[in-house]
PDB file of N, CA and C in Angstrom:
ATOM      1  N   MET A   1       0.851  -1.183   0.000  1.00  0.00           N
ATOM      2  CA  MET A   1       0.000   0.000   0.000  1.00  0.00           C
ATOM      3  C   MET A   1       0.891   1.238   0.000  1.00  0.00           C
ATOM      4  N   ALA A   2       0.456   2.264  -0.664  1.00  0.00           N
ATOM      5  CA  ALA A   2       1.198   3.515  -0.733  1.00  0.00           C
ATOM      6  C   ALA A   2       1.275   4.174   0.643  1.00  0.00           C
ATOM      7  N   ARG A   3       2.292   4.990   0.827  1.00  0.00           N
ATOM      8  CA  ARG A   3       2.449   5.731   2.084  1.00  0.00           C
ATOM      9  C   ARG A   3       1.258   6.667   2.257  1.00  0.00           C
ATOM     10  N   MET A   4       0.671   6.669   3.431  1.00  0.00           N
ATOM     11  CA  MET A   4      -0.495   7.509   3.719  1.00  0.00           C
ATOM     12  C   MET A   4      -0.053   8.857   4.266  1.00  0.00           C
ATOM     13  N   VAL A   5      -0.788   9.901   3.899  1.00  0.00           N
ATOM     14  CA  VAL A   5      -0.567  11.257   4.399  1.00  0.00           C
ATOM     15  C   VAL A   5      -1.819  11.656   5.155  1.00  0.00           C
ATOM     16  N   ARG A   6      -1.645  12.122   6.383  1.00  0.00           N
ATOM     17  CA  ARG A   6      -2.785  12.495   7.220  1.00  0.00           C
ATOM     18  C   ARG A   6      -3.364  13.832   6.759  1.00  0.00           C
ATOM     19  N   LYS A   7      -4.678  13.893   6.604  1.00  0.00           N
ATOM     20  CA  LYS A   7      -5.408  15.114   6.276  1.00  0.00           C
ATOM     21  C   LYS A   7      -6.527  15.271   7.285  1.00  0.00           C
ATOM     22  N   GLN A   8      -6.838  16.507   7.610  1.00  0.00           N
ATOM     23  CA  GLN A   8      -7.926  16.766   8.551  1.00  0.00           C
ATOM     24  C   GLN A   8      -8.966  17.594   7.816  1.00  0.00           C
ATOM     25  N   ILE A   9     -10.237  17.166   7.896  1.00  0.00           N
ATOM     26  CA  ILE A   9     -11.320  17.882   7.230  1.00  0.00           C
ATOM     27  C   ILE A   9     -12.439  18.150   8.227  1.00  0.00           C
ATOM     28  N   CYS A  10     -13.285  19.100   7.909  1.00  0.00           N
ATOM     29  CA  CYS A  10     -14.469  19.390   8.725  1.00  0.00           C
ATOM     30  C   CYS A  10     -15.705  19.068   7.903  1.00  0.00           C
ATOM     31  N   ILE A  11     -16.616  18.321   8.499  1.00  0.00           N
ATOM     32  CA  ILE A  11     -17.882  17.995   7.841  1.00  0.00           C
ATOM     33  C   ILE A  11     -19.011  18.278   8.826  1.00  0.00           C
ATOM     34  N   ASP A  12     -20.213  18.490   8.294  1.00  0.00           N
ATOM     35  CA  ASP A  12     -21.327  18.772   9.191  1.00  0.00           C
ATOM     36  C   ASP A  12     -21.826  17.473   9.837  1.00  0.00           C
ATOM     37  N   GLU A  13     -22.651  17.621  10.858  1.00  0.00           N
ATOM     38  CA  GLU A  13     -23.117  16.469  11.635  1.00  0.00           C
ATOM     39  C   GLU A  13     -23.906  15.475  10.788  1.00  0.00           C
ATOM     40  N   ARG A  14     -24.705  15.976   9.861  1.00  0.00           N
ATOM     41  CA  ARG A  14     -25.492  15.083   9.000  1.00  0.00           C
ATOM     42  C   ARG A  14     -24.577  14.202   8.170  1.00  0.00           C
ATOM     43  N   LEU A  15     -23.576  14.798   7.552  1.00  0.00           N
ATOM     44  CA  LEU A  15     -22.639  14.030   6.739  1.00  0.00           C
ATOM     45  C   LEU A  15     -21.829  13.068   7.608  1.00  0.00           C
ATOM     46  N   ASP A  16     -21.486  13.473   8.811  1.00  0.00           N
ATOM     47  CA  ASP A  16     -20.753  12.613   9.729  1.00  0.00           C
ATOM     48  C   ASP A  16     -21.558  11.357  10.037  1.00  0.00           C
ATOM     49  N   LYS A  17     -22.832  11.531  10.323  1.00  0.00           N
ATOM     50  CA  LYS A  17     -23.693  10.383  10.633  1.00  0.00           C
ATOM     51  C   LYS A  17     -23.865   9.488   9.404  1.00  0.00           C
ATOM     52  N   ASP A  18     -24.033  10.112   8.226  1.00  0.00           N
ATOM     53  CA  ASP A  18     -24.158   9.337   6.987  1.00  0.00           C
ATOM     54  C   ASP A  18     -22.886   8.533   6.711  1.00  0.00           C
ATOM     55  N   LEU A  19     -21.734   9.160   6.921  1.00  0.00           N
ATOM     56  CA  LEU A  19     -20.453   8.491   6.700  1.00  0.00           C
ATOM     57  C   LEU A  19     -20.284   7.318   7.666  1.00  0.00           C
ATOM     58  N   GLU A  20     -20.619   7.550   8.918  1.00  0.00           N
ATOM     59  CA  GLU A  20     -20.521   6.484   9.922  1.00  0.00           C
ATOM     60  C   GLU A  20     -21.420   5.304   9.553  1.00  0.00           C
ATOM     61  N   ARG A  21     -22.645   5.597   9.149  1.00  0.00           N
ATOM     62  CA  ARG A  21     -23.614   4.552   8.787  1.00  0.00           C
ATOM     63  C   ARG A  21     -23.130   3.764   7.563  1.00  0.00           C
ATOM     64  N   LEU A  22     -22.621   4.485   6.546  1.00  0.00           N
ATOM     65  CA  LEU A  22     -22.150   3.833   5.325  1.00  0.00           C
ATOM     66  C   LEU A  22     -20.953   2.929   5.606  1.00  0.00           C
ATOM     67  N   ALA A  23     -20.004   3.429   6.381  1.00  0.00           N
ATOM     68  CA  ALA A  23     -18.820   2.631   6.713  1.00  0.00           C
ATOM     69  C   ALA A  23     -19.215   1.369   7.477  1.00  0.00           C
ATOM     70  N   ARG A  24     -20.127   1.533   8.439  1.00  0.00           N
ATOM     71  CA  ARG A  24     -20.582   0.387   9.225  1.00  0.00           C
ATOM     72  C   ARG A  24     -21.280  -0.637   8.331  1.00  0.00           C
ATOM     73  N   SER A  25     -22.134  -0.160   7.424  1.00  0.00           N
ATOM     74  CA  SER A  25     -22.884  -1.088   6.570  1.00  0.00           C
ATOM     75  C   SER A  25     -21.974  -1.834   5.600  1.00  0.00           C
ATOM     76  N   GLN A  26     -20.848  -1.213   5.218  1.00  0.00           N
ATOM     77  CA  GLN A  26     -19.918  -1.859   4.291  1.00  0.00           C
ATOM     78  C   GLN A  26     -18.792  -2.602   5.010  1.00  0.00           C
ATOM     79  N   GLY A  27     -18.727  -2.425   6.333  1.00  0.00           N
ATOM     80  CA  GLY A  27     -17.703  -3.115   7.103  1.00  0.00           C
ATOM     81  C   GLY A  27     -16.296  -2.601   6.836  1.00  0.00           C
ATOM     82  N   VAL A  28     -16.182  -1.298   6.547  1.00  0.00           N
ATOM     83  CA  VAL A  28     -14.874  -0.687   6.292  1.00  0.00           C
ATOM     84  C   VAL A  28     -14.741   0.571   7.138  1.00  0.00           C
ATOM     85  N   SER A  29     -13.552   1.158   7.132  1.00  0.00           N
ATOM     86  CA  SER A  29     -13.331   2.372   7.918  1.00  0.00           C
ATOM     87  C   SER A  29     -13.926   3.588   7.214  1.00  0.00           C
ATOM     88  N   GLN A  30     -14.208   4.600   8.010  1.00  0.00           N
ATOM     89  CA  GLN A  30     -14.677   5.863   7.435  1.00  0.00           C
ATOM     90  C   GLN A  30     -13.598   6.455   6.531  1.00  0.00           C
ATOM     91  N   SER A  31     -12.339   6.300   6.933  1.00  0.00           N
ATOM     92  CA  SER A  31     -11.230   6.807   6.123  1.00  0.00           C
ATOM     93  C   SER A  31     -11.224   6.176   4.741  1.00  0.00           C
ATOM     94  N   ARG A  32     -11.509   4.883   4.684  1.00  0.00           N
ATOM     95  CA  ARG A  32     -11.530   4.202   3.387  1.00  0.00           C
ATOM     96  C   ARG A  32     -12.639   4.773   2.498  1.00  0.00           C
ATOM     97  N   ILE A  33     -13.811   5.014   3.076  1.00  0.00           N
ATOM     98  CA  ILE A  33     -14.919   5.594   2.311  1.00  0.00           C
ATOM     99  C   ILE A  33     -14.496   6.949   1.750  1.00  0.00           C
ATOM    100  N   VAL A  34     -13.879   7.788   2.579  1.00  0.00           N
ATOM    101  CA  VAL A  34     -13.456   9.125   2.144  1.00  0.00           C
ATOM    102  C   VAL A  34     -12.393   9.014   1.051  1.00  0.00           C
ATOM    103  N   ARG A  35     -11.397   8.114   1.247  1.00  0.00           N
ATOM    104  CA  ARG A  35     -10.345   7.949   0.228  1.00  0.00           C
ATOM    105  C   ARG A  35     -10.927   7.524  -1.105  1.00  0.00           C
ATOM    106  N   GLU A  36     -11.845   6.567  -1.076  1.00  0.00           N
ATOM    107  CA  GLU A  36     -12.436   6.079  -2.326  1.00  0.00           C
ATOM    108  C   GLU A  36     -13.266   7.160  -3.010  1.00  0.00           C
ATOM    109  N   ALA A  37     -13.996   7.944  -2.214  1.00  0.00           N
ATOM    110  CA  ALA A  37     -14.796   9.030  -2.799  1.00  0.00           C
ATOM    111  C   ALA A  37     -13.892  10.085  -3.424  1.00  0.00           C
ATOM    112  N   LEU A  38     -12.806  10.444  -2.723  1.00  0.00           N
ATOM    113  CA  LEU A  38     -11.863  11.427  -3.271  1.00  0.00           C
ATOM    114  C   LEU A  38     -11.190  10.899  -4.530  1.00  0.00           C
ATOM    115  N   ASP A  39     -10.844   9.629  -4.519  1.00  0.00           N
ATOM    116  CA  ASP A  39     -10.214   9.030  -5.692  1.00  0.00           C
ATOM    117  C   ASP A  39     -11.132   9.110  -6.906  1.00  0.00           C
ATOM    118  N   ARG A  40     -12.412   8.800  -6.695  1.00  0.00           N
ATOM    119  CA  ARG A  40     -13.372   8.886  -7.806  1.00  0.00           C
ATOM    120  C   ARG A  40     -13.518  10.323  -8.294  1.00  0.00           C
ATOM    121  N   LEU A  41     -13.573  11.274  -7.372  1.00  0.00           N
ATOM    122  CA  LEU A  41     -13.732  12.676  -7.756  1.00  0.00           C
ATOM    123  C   LEU A  41     -12.501  13.186  -8.497  1.00  0.00           C
ATOM    124  N   VAL A  42     -11.332  12.922  -7.954  1.00  0.00           N
ATOM    125  CA  VAL A  42     -10.095  13.439  -8.540  1.00  0.00           C
ATOM    126  C   VAL A  42      -9.813  12.810  -9.902  1.00  0.00           C
ATOM    127  N   HIS A  43     -10.141  11.541 -10.053  1.00  0.00           N
ATOM    128  CA  HIS A  43      -9.832  10.846 -11.299  1.00  0.00           C
ATOM    129  C   HIS A  43     -11.047  10.698 -12.212  1.00  0.00           C
ATOM    130  N   ALA A  44     -12.098  11.429 -11.916  1.00  0.00           N
ATOM    131  CA  ALA A  44     -13.324  11.342 -12.716  1.00  0.00           C
ATOM    132  C   ALA A  44     -13.084  11.894 -14.110  1.00  0.00           C
ATOM    133  N   ASP A  45     -13.770  11.330 -15.037  1.00  0.00           N
ATOM    134  CA  ASP A  45     -13.761  11.831 -16.401  1.00  0.00           C
ATOM    135  C   ASP A  45     -14.371  13.235 -16.389  1.00  0.00           C
ATOM    136  N   ALA A  46     -13.827  14.144 -17.163  1.00  0.00           N
ATOM    137  CA  ALA A  46     -14.346  15.510 -17.211  1.00  0.00           C
ATOM    138  C   ALA A  46     -15.820  15.526 -17.589  1.00  0.00           C
ATOM    139  N   SER A  47     -16.269  14.574 -18.372  1.00  0.00           N
ATOM    140  CA  SER A  47     -17.669  14.538 -18.776  1.00  0.00           C
ATOM    141  C   SER A  47     -18.575  14.177 -17.613  1.00  0.00           C
ATOM    142  N   VAL A  48     -18.030  13.559 -16.561  1.00  0.00           N
ATOM    143  CA  VAL A  48     -18.822  13.163 -15.403  1.00  0.00           C
ATOM    144  C   VAL A  48     -18.877  14.284 -14.367  1.00  0.00           C
ATOM    145  N   ALA A  49     -17.796  15.065 -14.279  1.00  0.00           N
ATOM    146  CA  ALA A  49     -17.735  16.140 -13.288  1.00  0.00           C
ATOM    147  C   ALA A  49     -18.758  17.216 -13.620  1.00  0.00           C
ATOM    148  N   THR A  50     -19.324  17.813 -12.584  1.00  0.00           N
ATOM    149  CA  THR A  50     -20.280  18.891 -12.796  1.00  0.00           C
ATOM    150  C   THR A  50     -19.541  20.153 -13.189  1.00  0.00           C
ATOM    151  N   SER A  51     -20.254  21.088 -13.784  1.00  0.00           N
ATOM    152  CA  SER A  51     -19.618  22.339 -14.192  1.00  0.00           C
ATOM    153  C   SER A  51     -19.081  23.111 -12.992  1.00  0.00           C
ATOM    154  N   SER A  52     -19.775  23.047 -11.849  1.00  0.00           N
ATOM    155  CA  SER A  52     -19.278  23.764 -10.669  1.00  0.00           C
ATOM    156  C   SER A  52     -17.992  23.122 -10.155  1.00  0.00           C
ATOM    157  N   GLN A  53     -17.895  21.800 -10.200  1.00  0.00           N
ATOM    158  CA  GLN A  53     -16.663  21.130  -9.785  1.00  0.00           C
ATOM    159  C   GLN A  53     -15.508  21.534 -10.703  1.00  0.00           C
ATOM    160  N   LEU A  54     -15.781  21.596 -11.988  1.00  0.00           N
ATOM    161  CA  LEU A  54     -14.737  21.981 -12.937  1.00  0.00           C
ATOM    162  C   LEU A  54     -14.301  23.421 -12.716  1.00  0.00           C
ATOM    163  N   ARG A  55     -15.246  24.323 -12.412  1.00  0.00           N
ATOM    164  CA  ARG A  55     -14.890  25.721 -12.151  1.00  0.00           C
ATOM    165  C   ARG A  55     -14.006  25.832 -10.918  1.00  0.00           C
ATOM    166  N   VAL A  56     -14.332  25.080  -9.890  1.00  0.00           N
ATOM    167  CA  VAL A  56     -13.525  25.107  -8.664  1.00  0.00           C
ATOM    168  C   VAL A  56     -12.127  24.578  -8.949  1.00  0.00           C
ATOM    169  N   LEU A  57     -12.026  23.466  -9.657  1.00  0.00           N
ATOM    170  CA  LEU A  57     -10.718  22.914  -9.985  1.00  0.00           C
ATOM    171  C   LEU A  57      -9.899  23.883 -10.835  1.00  0.00           C
ATOM    172  N   ASP A  58     -10.531  24.528 -11.805  1.00  0.00           N
ATOM    173  CA  ASP A  58      -9.833  25.513 -12.636  1.00  0.00           C
ATOM    174  C   ASP A  58      -9.325  26.679 -11.795  1.00  0.00           C
ATOM    175  N   ALA A  59     -10.166  27.175 -10.891  1.00  0.00           N
ATOM    176  CA  ALA A  59      -9.760  28.290 -10.032  1.00  0.00           C
ATOM    177  C   ALA A  59      -8.601  27.888  -9.129  1.00  0.00           C
ATOM    178  N   MET A  60      -8.633  26.662  -8.614  1.00  0.00           N
ATOM    179  CA  MET A  60      -7.552  26.183  -7.753  1.00  0.00           C
ATOM    180  C   MET A  60      -6.242  26.064  -8.545  1.00  0.00           C
ATOM    181  N   ARG A  61      -6.335  25.570  -9.770  1.00  0.00           N
ATOM    182  CA  ARG A  61      -5.130  25.456 -10.601  1.00  0.00           C
ATOM    183  C   ARG A  61      -4.559  26.831 -10.931  1.00  0.00           C
ATOM    184  N   GLU A  62      -5.434  27.780 -11.280  1.00  0.00           N
ATOM    185  CA  GLU A  62      -4.972  29.140 -11.583  1.00  0.00           C
ATOM    186  C   GLU A  62      -4.290  29.762 -10.374  1.00  0.00           C
ATOM    187  N   ARG A  63      -4.885  29.580  -9.195  1.00  0.00           N
ATOM    188  CA  ARG A  63      -4.315  30.156  -7.984  1.00  0.00           C
ATOM    189  C   ARG A  63      -2.966  29.521  -7.673  1.00  0.00           C
ATOM    190  N   ALA A  64      -2.873  28.205  -7.856  1.00  0.00           N
ATOM    191  CA  ALA A  64      -1.611  27.514  -7.603  1.00  0.00           C
ATOM    192  C   ALA A  64      -0.532  27.977  -8.581  1.00  0.00           C
ATOM    193  N   ASP A  65      -0.897  28.197  -9.843  1.00  0.00           N
ATOM    194  CA  ASP A  65       0.057  28.651 -10.857  1.00  0.00           C
ATOM    195  C   ASP A  65       0.538  30.074 -10.585  1.00  0.00           C
ATOM    196  N   ALA A  66      -0.288  30.884  -9.908  1.00  0.00           N
ATOM    197  CA  ALA A  66       0.064  32.279  -9.649  1.00  0.00           C
ATOM    198  C   ALA A  66       1.165  32.404  -8.597  1.00  0.00           C
ATOM    199  N   GLY A  67       1.371  31.373  -7.803  1.00  0.00           N
ATOM    200  CA  GLY A  67       2.407  31.424  -6.778  1.00  0.00           C
ATOM    201  C   GLY A  67       1.924  32.124  -5.527  1.00  0.00           C
ATOM    202  N   PRO A  68       2.815  32.312  -4.562  1.00  0.00           N
ATOM    203  CA  PRO A  68       2.420  32.918  -3.287  1.00  0.00           C
ATOM    204  C   PRO A  68       2.023  34.384  -3.450  1.00  0.00           C
ATOM    205  N   LEU A  69       1.154  34.835  -2.576  1.00  0.00           N
ATOM    206  CA  LEU A  69       0.729  36.231  -2.591  1.00  0.00           C
ATOM    207  C   LEU A  69       1.873  37.115  -2.122  1.00  0.00           C
ATOM    208  N   ALA A  70       1.969  38.325  -2.679  1.00  0.00           N
ATOM    209  CA  ALA A  70       3.084  39.232  -2.367  1.00  0.00           C
ATOM    210  C   ALA A  70       3.183  39.535  -0.880  1.00  0.00           C
ATOM    211  N   GLY A  71       2.105  39.913  -0.252  1.00  0.00           N
ATOM    212  CA  GLY A  71       2.136  40.298   1.153  1.00  0.00           C
ATOM    213  C   GLY A  71       1.789  39.179   2.098  1.00  0.00           C
ATOM    214  N   GLY A  72       1.758  37.975   1.619  1.00  0.00           N
ATOM    215  CA  GLY A  72       1.325  36.852   2.456  1.00  0.00           C
ATOM    216  C   GLY A  72      -0.185  36.744   2.409  1.00  0.00           C
ATOM    217  N   ARG A  73      -0.713  35.757   3.074  1.00  0.00           N
ATOM    218  CA  ARG A  73      -2.160  35.572   3.024  1.00  0.00           C
ATOM    219  C   ARG A  73      -2.858  36.551   3.954  1.00  0.00           C
ATOM    220  N   ALA A  74      -4.095  36.889   3.576  1.00  0.00           N
ATOM    221  CA  ALA A  74      -4.871  37.856   4.356  1.00  0.00           C
ATOM    222  C   ALA A  74      -5.963  37.165   5.167  1.00  0.00           C
ATOM    223  N   TRP A  75      -5.858  35.864   5.338  1.00  0.00           N
ATOM    224  CA  TRP A  75      -6.875  35.124   6.067  1.00  0.00           C
ATOM    225  C   TRP A  75      -6.193  34.173   7.046  1.00  0.00           C
ATOM    226  N   THR A  76      -6.996  33.707   7.988  1.00  0.00           N
ATOM    227  CA  THR A  76      -6.520  32.696   8.916  1.00  0.00           C
ATOM    228  C   THR A  76      -7.370  31.451   8.755  1.00  0.00           C
ATOM    229  N   ARG A  77      -6.862  30.348   9.209  1.00  0.00           N
ATOM    230  CA  ARG A  77      -7.625  29.102   9.137  1.00  0.00           C
ATOM    231  C   ARG A  77      -8.948  29.245   9.885  1.00  0.00           C
ATOM    232  N   GLU A  78      -8.898  29.931  11.024  1.00  0.00           N
ATOM    233  CA  GLU A  78     -10.111  30.111  11.826  1.00  0.00           C
ATOM    234  C   GLU A  78     -11.153  30.932  11.086  1.00  0.00           C
ATOM    235  N   SER A  79     -10.724  31.954  10.347  1.00  0.00           N
ATOM    236  CA  SER A  79     -11.696  32.795   9.639  1.00  0.00           C
ATOM    237  C   SER A  79     -12.408  32.005   8.541  1.00  0.00           C
ATOM    238  N   LEU A  80     -11.750  31.002   7.989  1.00  0.00           N
ATOM    239  CA  LEU A  80     -12.399  30.194   6.958  1.00  0.00           C
ATOM    240  C   LEU A  80     -13.567  29.408   7.529  1.00  0.00           C
ATOM    241  N   HIS A  81     -13.437  28.982   8.787  1.00  0.00           N
ATOM    242  CA  HIS A  81     -14.482  28.180   9.401  1.00  0.00           C
ATOM    243  C   HIS A  81     -15.630  29.029   9.958  1.00  0.00           C
ATOM    244  N   GLU A  82     -15.473  30.341   9.961  1.00  0.00           N
ATOM    245  CA  GLU A  82     -16.534  31.217  10.431  1.00  0.00           C
ATOM    246  C   GLU A  82     -17.636  31.377   9.391  1.00  0.00           C
ATOM    247  N   HIS A  83     -17.345  31.041   8.151  1.00  0.00           N
ATOM    248  CA  HIS A  83     -18.294  31.237   7.059  1.00  0.00           C
ATOM    249  C   HIS A  83     -18.851  29.892   6.600  1.00  0.00           C
ATOM    250  N   ASP A  84     -20.094  29.881   6.264  1.00  0.00           N
ATOM    251  CA  ASP A  84     -20.720  28.679   5.738  1.00  0.00           C
ATOM    252  C   ASP A  84     -20.395  28.610   4.258  1.00  0.00           C
ATOM    253  N   VAL A  85     -19.483  27.716   3.869  1.00  0.00           N
ATOM    254  CA  VAL A  85     -19.045  27.627   2.486  1.00  0.00           C
ATOM    255  C   VAL A  85     -19.980  26.774   1.628  1.00  0.00           C
ATOM    256  N   SER A  86     -21.013  26.211   2.215  1.00  0.00           N
ATOM    257  CA  SER A  86     -21.911  25.353   1.448  1.00  0.00           C
ATOM    258  C   SER A  86     -22.992  26.141   0.724  1.00  0.00           C
ATOM    259  N   ARG A  87     -22.997  27.439   0.890  1.00  0.00           N
ATOM    260  CA  ARG A  87     -24.038  28.246   0.226  1.00  0.00           C
ATOM    261  C   ARG A  87     -23.775  28.423  -1.236  1.00  0.00           C
TER     262      ARG A  87
END
């Protein structure tokens, strides 16, 4: 198996319960469910991805290509969690 890298994510309570239920019903870890879902999303055919997913990926690639911001970042990790990004 490939070397694993630890990632930490935040999900809402509804998704947490759904993830727990799905993992239990399949007899696998929640981490495995998340890895498999990410693998499908990242390696999905462009024709399968939604237009909003493609826009987000394009914006992320453009931002990564632009390099670091001149004055450093203007946000904190905590400020990102103050906003509901699901809107």
